[in-house]
Amino acid sequence: MVIAHEEFSYNIVDSIGSAYLELNASNTLTTPLMITLTFDPTVAALDMTSDAYINRTSSGVTTVNEHSYVNSVTFKMDALSSTAIRFYKLDTSQNYTYPNGSSTGVITVQNSGG
């Protein structure tokens, strides 16, 4: 199952015991979108080698225990494209699959015209 908004959809794939979760996004529009991901880095840490981070247009940072962590990233998603973005879980006993009956996911996803 995926969450769909105006020809944009995403889901989070995860399982208990997995070291990471994966956010899969798809843009079936014929125009690019600006995608913003917001997350708590004490729950899930963005893989800094992902294309979303490397090609970001902006990012946010928060401080936890005197260390800086990325807590949001905005990137341009091409028209008619899909992407998979890896996040490392700090608690592998959790399953952050979304949607799964929960009204909110561990990663907030917003999109706007690019």
N, C-alpha and C. Protein backbone atom coordinates (compact mmCIF):
# COMPACT_ATOMS: atom_id res chain seq x y z
N MET A 1 0.84 -1.17 0.00
CA MET A 1 0.00 0.00 0.00
C MET A 1 0.88 1.23 0.00
N VAL A 2 0.43 2.28 -0.68
CA VAL A 2 1.16 3.54 -0.72
C VAL A 2 0.21 4.68 -0.39
N ILE A 3 0.78 5.77 0.07
CA ILE A 3 0.02 6.99 0.30
C ILE A 3 0.14 7.84 -0.96
N ALA A 4 -0.97 8.25 -1.55
CA ALA A 4 -0.93 8.98 -2.81
C ALA A 4 -1.55 10.37 -2.67
N HIS A 5 -0.90 11.36 -3.25
CA HIS A 5 -1.37 12.74 -3.28
C HIS A 5 -1.06 13.30 -4.65
N GLU A 6 -2.11 13.55 -5.47
CA GLU A 6 -1.93 14.22 -6.75
C GLU A 6 -0.83 13.59 -7.60
N GLU A 7 -0.89 12.31 -7.79
CA GLU A 7 0.06 11.59 -8.63
C GLU A 7 1.46 11.47 -8.01
N PHE A 8 1.57 11.72 -6.73
CA PHE A 8 2.79 11.48 -5.97
C PHE A 8 2.45 10.45 -4.91
N SER A 9 3.28 9.45 -4.74
CA SER A 9 3.00 8.45 -3.73
C SER A 9 4.29 8.06 -3.01
N TYR A 10 4.14 7.54 -1.81
CA TYR A 10 5.29 7.07 -1.06
C TYR A 10 4.86 6.02 -0.04
N ASN A 11 5.82 5.23 0.37
CA ASN A 11 5.62 4.30 1.47
C ASN A 11 6.95 4.08 2.17
N ILE A 12 6.89 3.50 3.35
CA ILE A 12 8.10 3.16 4.10
C ILE A 12 8.08 1.66 4.30
N VAL A 13 9.18 1.02 3.91
CA VAL A 13 9.32 -0.43 4.04
C VAL A 13 10.31 -0.69 5.17
N ASP A 14 9.91 -1.52 6.12
CA ASP A 14 10.76 -1.82 7.28
C ASP A 14 10.33 -3.16 7.87
N SER A 15 11.13 -3.66 8.76
CA SER A 15 10.78 -4.87 9.51
C SER A 15 11.57 -4.88 10.81
N ILE A 16 11.04 -5.59 11.79
CA ILE A 16 11.75 -5.75 13.07
C ILE A 16 13.07 -6.46 12.80
N GLY A 17 14.14 -5.96 13.40
CA GLY A 17 15.46 -6.55 13.22
C GLY A 17 16.27 -5.95 12.10
N SER A 18 15.63 -5.19 11.21
CA SER A 18 16.35 -4.55 10.12
C SER A 18 17.12 -3.35 10.64
N ALA A 19 18.32 -3.16 10.13
CA ALA A 19 19.15 -2.03 10.54
C ALA A 19 18.71 -0.72 9.89
N TYR A 20 17.91 -0.82 8.84
CA TYR A 20 17.48 0.38 8.14
C TYR A 20 16.05 0.25 7.66
N LEU A 21 15.45 1.39 7.32
CA LEU A 21 14.16 1.44 6.67
C LEU A 21 14.36 2.14 5.34
N GLU A 22 13.43 1.95 4.43
CA GLU A 22 13.55 2.57 3.13
C GLU A 22 12.27 3.30 2.78
N LEU A 23 12.41 4.57 2.43
CA LEU A 23 11.29 5.36 1.96
C LEU A 23 11.31 5.30 0.44
N ASN A 24 10.22 4.82 -0.15
CA ASN A 24 10.09 4.74 -1.61
C ASN A 24 9.10 5.80 -2.05
N ALA A 25 9.50 6.63 -3.01
CA ALA A 25 8.63 7.70 -3.51
C ALA A 25 8.54 7.62 -5.02
N SER A 26 7.38 7.99 -5.54
CA SER A 26 7.15 7.94 -6.98
C SER A 26 6.40 9.20 -7.42
N ASN A 27 6.91 9.83 -8.47
CA ASN A 27 6.28 11.01 -9.05
C ASN A 27 5.81 10.63 -10.45
N THR A 28 4.52 10.48 -10.62
CA THR A 28 3.99 10.13 -11.94
C THR A 28 3.49 11.34 -12.71
N LEU A 29 3.75 12.52 -12.17
CA LEU A 29 3.42 13.77 -12.88
C LEU A 29 4.41 14.03 -14.00
N THR A 30 4.01 14.85 -14.94
CA THR A 30 4.92 15.21 -16.04
C THR A 30 5.73 16.46 -15.70
N THR A 31 5.69 16.87 -14.44
CA THR A 31 6.49 18.00 -13.97
C THR A 31 7.25 17.56 -12.72
N PRO A 32 8.42 18.14 -12.48
CA PRO A 32 9.18 17.80 -11.28
C PRO A 32 8.50 18.32 -10.02
N LEU A 33 8.86 17.75 -8.89
CA LEU A 33 8.34 18.16 -7.59
C LEU A 33 9.49 18.46 -6.64
N MET A 34 9.24 19.36 -5.70
CA MET A 34 10.16 19.57 -4.60
C MET A 34 9.63 18.73 -3.44
N ILE A 35 10.46 17.84 -2.92
CA ILE A 35 10.08 16.94 -1.85
C ILE A 35 10.84 17.33 -0.59
N THR A 36 10.13 17.44 0.52
CA THR A 36 10.76 17.71 1.80
C THR A 36 10.47 16.55 2.75
N LEU A 37 11.54 15.99 3.29
CA LEU A 37 11.44 14.92 4.28
C LEU A 37 11.87 15.50 5.62
N THR A 38 11.05 15.30 6.65
CA THR A 38 11.37 15.76 8.00
C THR A 38 11.30 14.56 8.92
N PHE A 39 12.28 14.44 9.81
CA PHE A 39 12.39 13.25 10.65
C PHE A 39 13.15 13.55 11.92
N ASP A 40 13.00 12.68 12.89
CA ASP A 40 13.70 12.78 14.16
C ASP A 40 14.97 11.93 14.06
N PRO A 41 16.15 12.55 14.07
CA PRO A 41 17.39 11.78 13.91
C PRO A 41 17.72 10.87 15.09
N THR A 42 16.96 10.98 16.18
CA THR A 42 17.16 10.03 17.29
C THR A 42 16.34 8.76 17.06
N VAL A 43 15.54 8.76 15.98
CA VAL A 43 14.75 7.59 15.60
C VAL A 43 15.29 6.98 14.31
N ALA A 44 15.50 7.82 13.30
CA ALA A 44 15.99 7.36 12.00
C ALA A 44 16.98 8.39 11.46
N ALA A 45 18.15 7.92 11.06
CA ALA A 45 19.20 8.81 10.55
C ALA A 45 19.32 8.62 9.04
N LEU A 46 19.28 9.72 8.32
CA LEU A 46 19.36 9.70 6.86
C LEU A 46 20.71 9.16 6.40
N ASP A 47 20.68 8.28 5.42
CA ASP A 47 21.91 7.81 4.77
C ASP A 47 22.47 8.97 3.96
N MET A 48 23.60 9.49 4.39
CA MET A 48 24.17 10.69 3.77
C MET A 48 24.74 10.44 2.38
N THR A 49 24.73 9.19 1.92
CA THR A 49 25.18 8.89 0.56
C THR A 49 24.00 8.81 -0.41
N SER A 50 22.79 9.06 0.08
CA SER A 50 21.61 8.98 -0.79
C SER A 50 21.61 10.15 -1.78
N ASP A 51 21.05 9.92 -2.95
CA ASP A 51 20.94 10.98 -3.95
C ASP A 51 20.12 12.15 -3.41
N ALA A 52 19.12 11.85 -2.60
CA ALA A 52 18.28 12.91 -2.04
C ALA A 52 19.11 13.88 -1.22
N TYR A 53 20.06 13.37 -0.45
CA TYR A 53 20.91 14.25 0.36
C TYR A 53 21.99 14.91 -0.50
N ILE A 54 22.63 14.14 -1.34
CA ILE A 54 23.72 14.68 -2.18
C ILE A 54 23.20 15.79 -3.09
N ASN A 55 21.99 15.62 -3.64
CA ASN A 55 21.42 16.60 -4.57
C ASN A 55 20.40 17.53 -3.91
N ARG A 56 20.47 17.67 -2.61
CA ARG A 56 19.51 18.48 -1.87
C ARG A 56 19.58 19.95 -2.27
N THR A 57 18.44 20.61 -2.14
CA THR A 57 18.42 22.06 -2.32
C THR A 57 18.52 22.76 -0.98
N SER A 58 18.14 22.04 0.09
CA SER A 58 18.32 22.56 1.44
C SER A 58 18.22 21.41 2.43
N SER A 59 18.68 21.68 3.63
CA SER A 59 18.55 20.69 4.71
C SER A 59 18.49 21.42 6.03
N GLY A 60 17.93 20.75 7.02
CA GLY A 60 17.85 21.30 8.36
C GLY A 60 18.71 20.48 9.30
N VAL A 61 19.12 21.10 10.38
CA VAL A 61 20.00 20.45 11.35
C VAL A 61 19.46 20.70 12.74
N THR A 62 19.59 19.69 13.60
CA THR A 62 19.23 19.84 15.00
C THR A 62 20.42 19.37 15.84
N THR A 63 20.50 19.81 17.08
CA THR A 63 21.58 19.41 17.97
C THR A 63 21.04 18.47 19.03
N VAL A 64 21.70 17.32 19.17
CA VAL A 64 21.36 16.32 20.17
C VAL A 64 22.63 15.97 20.92
N ASN A 65 22.63 16.18 22.23
CA ASN A 65 23.82 15.88 23.05
C ASN A 65 25.08 16.51 22.48
N GLU A 66 24.97 17.77 22.08
CA GLU A 66 26.08 18.57 21.57
C GLU A 66 26.62 18.10 20.21
N HIS A 67 25.86 17.26 19.51
CA HIS A 67 26.23 16.82 18.17
C HIS A 67 25.15 17.29 17.20
N SER A 68 25.55 17.69 15.99
CA SER A 68 24.60 18.15 14.97
C SER A 68 24.17 16.99 14.09
N TYR A 69 22.87 16.91 13.83
CA TYR A 69 22.30 15.86 12.99
C TYR A 69 21.33 16.48 12.00
N VAL A 70 21.31 15.95 10.79
CA VAL A 70 20.34 16.38 9.79
C VAL A 70 18.96 15.90 10.23
N ASN A 71 17.96 16.80 10.18
CA ASN A 71 16.60 16.40 10.54
C ASN A 71 15.58 16.71 9.45
N SER A 72 16.06 17.27 8.34
CA SER A 72 15.18 17.48 7.19
C SER A 72 16.03 17.65 5.94
N VAL A 73 15.44 17.32 4.82
CA VAL A 73 16.12 17.50 3.54
C VAL A 73 15.07 17.78 2.48
N THR A 74 15.39 18.73 1.60
CA THR A 74 14.52 19.06 0.47
C THR A 74 15.31 18.80 -0.81
N PHE A 75 14.67 18.13 -1.75
CA PHE A 75 15.34 17.81 -3.01
C PHE A 75 14.33 17.85 -4.14
N LYS A 76 14.85 18.00 -5.35
CA LYS A 76 13.99 18.02 -6.54
C LYS A 76 13.84 16.60 -7.05
N MET A 77 12.59 16.19 -7.26
CA MET A 77 12.31 14.87 -7.81
C MET A 77 11.83 15.05 -9.24
N ASP A 78 12.55 14.45 -10.17
CA ASP A 78 12.22 14.59 -11.58
C ASP A 78 10.82 14.08 -11.90
N ALA A 79 10.26 14.58 -12.98
CA ALA A 79 8.99 14.09 -13.47
C ALA A 79 9.12 12.63 -13.85
N LEU A 80 8.04 11.89 -13.67
CA LEU A 80 7.99 10.48 -14.07
C LEU A 80 9.19 9.69 -13.55
N SER A 81 9.43 9.81 -12.25
CA SER A 81 10.58 9.13 -11.65
C SER A 81 10.22 8.53 -10.30
N SER A 82 11.10 7.70 -9.81
CA SER A 82 10.94 7.13 -8.48
C SER A 82 12.31 7.11 -7.80
N THR A 83 12.27 7.02 -6.49
CA THR A 83 13.52 6.99 -5.72
C THR A 83 13.32 6.18 -4.45
N ALA A 84 14.40 5.62 -3.96
CA ALA A 84 14.41 4.91 -2.68
C ALA A 84 15.45 5.58 -1.80
N ILE A 85 15.06 5.94 -0.58
CA ILE A 85 15.95 6.67 0.33
C ILE A 85 16.09 5.86 1.60
N ARG A 86 17.32 5.55 1.97
CA ARG A 86 17.60 4.72 3.14
C ARG A 86 17.82 5.58 4.38
N PHE A 87 17.23 5.12 5.47
CA PHE A 87 17.43 5.70 6.79
C PHE A 87 17.89 4.59 7.72
N TYR A 88 18.87 4.88 8.55
CA TYR A 88 19.33 3.90 9.53
C TYR A 88 18.54 4.06 10.81
N LYS A 89 18.06 2.94 11.35
CA LYS A 89 17.23 2.94 12.55
C LYS A 89 18.12 2.89 13.79
N LEU A 90 17.77 3.66 14.80
CA LEU A 90 18.50 3.59 16.04
C LEU A 90 17.99 2.49 16.95
N ASP A 91 16.77 2.02 16.71
CA ASP A 91 16.18 0.93 17.49
C ASP A 91 15.68 -0.12 16.51
N THR A 92 16.47 -1.17 16.32
CA THR A 92 16.11 -2.20 15.34
C THR A 92 14.96 -3.09 15.79
N SER A 93 14.51 -2.94 17.04
CA SER A 93 13.36 -3.74 17.50
C SER A 93 12.03 -3.14 17.03
N GLN A 94 12.09 -1.97 16.39
CA GLN A 94 10.88 -1.29 15.90
C GLN A 94 10.61 -1.61 14.43
N ASN A 95 9.35 -1.54 14.06
CA ASN A 95 8.94 -1.67 12.67
C ASN A 95 8.24 -0.38 12.29
N TYR A 96 8.87 0.41 11.42
CA TYR A 96 8.33 1.71 11.03
C TYR A 96 7.63 1.67 9.68
N THR A 97 7.19 0.51 9.24
CA THR A 97 6.47 0.39 7.97
C THR A 97 5.31 1.38 7.96
N TYR A 98 5.12 2.04 6.80
CA TYR A 98 4.03 3.00 6.66
C TYR A 98 3.49 2.94 5.24
N PRO A 99 2.23 2.92 5.03
CA PRO A 99 1.20 2.92 6.06
C PRO A 99 1.02 1.53 6.66
N ASN A 100 0.61 1.51 7.90
CA ASN A 100 0.39 0.25 8.62
C ASN A 100 -0.77 0.38 9.60
N GLY A 101 -1.66 1.27 9.32
CA GLY A 101 -2.77 1.53 10.23
C GLY A 101 -2.51 2.77 11.08
N SER A 102 -1.25 3.17 11.18
CA SER A 102 -0.90 4.37 11.92
C SER A 102 -1.25 5.59 11.08
N SER A 103 -1.68 6.64 11.72
CA SER A 103 -2.06 7.85 10.98
C SER A 103 -0.85 8.66 10.54
N THR A 104 0.28 8.46 11.17
CA THR A 104 1.49 9.20 10.79
C THR A 104 2.68 8.25 10.70
N GLY A 105 3.59 8.58 9.82
CA GLY A 105 4.81 7.79 9.69
C GLY A 105 5.94 8.44 10.46
N VAL A 106 7.04 7.73 10.59
CA VAL A 106 8.21 8.24 11.30
C VAL A 106 8.92 9.34 10.49
N ILE A 107 8.60 9.43 9.20
CA ILE A 107 9.14 10.47 8.31
C ILE A 107 7.97 11.24 7.73
N THR A 108 7.99 12.56 7.86
CA THR A 108 6.96 13.41 7.28
C THR A 108 7.39 13.76 5.85
N VAL A 109 6.49 13.57 4.91
CA VAL A 109 6.78 13.82 3.50
C VAL A 109 5.84 14.91 2.99
N GLN A 110 6.43 15.96 2.43
CA GLN A 110 5.66 17.05 1.81
C GLN A 110 6.15 17.23 0.39
N ASN A 111 5.24 17.57 -0.50
CA ASN A 111 5.64 17.84 -1.88
C ASN A 111 4.98 19.09 -2.39
N SER A 112 5.68 19.75 -3.32
CA SER A 112 5.15 20.94 -3.97
C SER A 112 5.73 21.02 -5.36
N GLY A 113 5.10 21.80 -6.21
CA GLY A 113 5.59 21.93 -7.59
C GLY A 113 7.03 22.41 -7.62
N GLY A 114 7.81 21.87 -8.55
CA GLY A 114 9.23 22.19 -8.63
C GLY A 114 9.51 23.14 -9.72
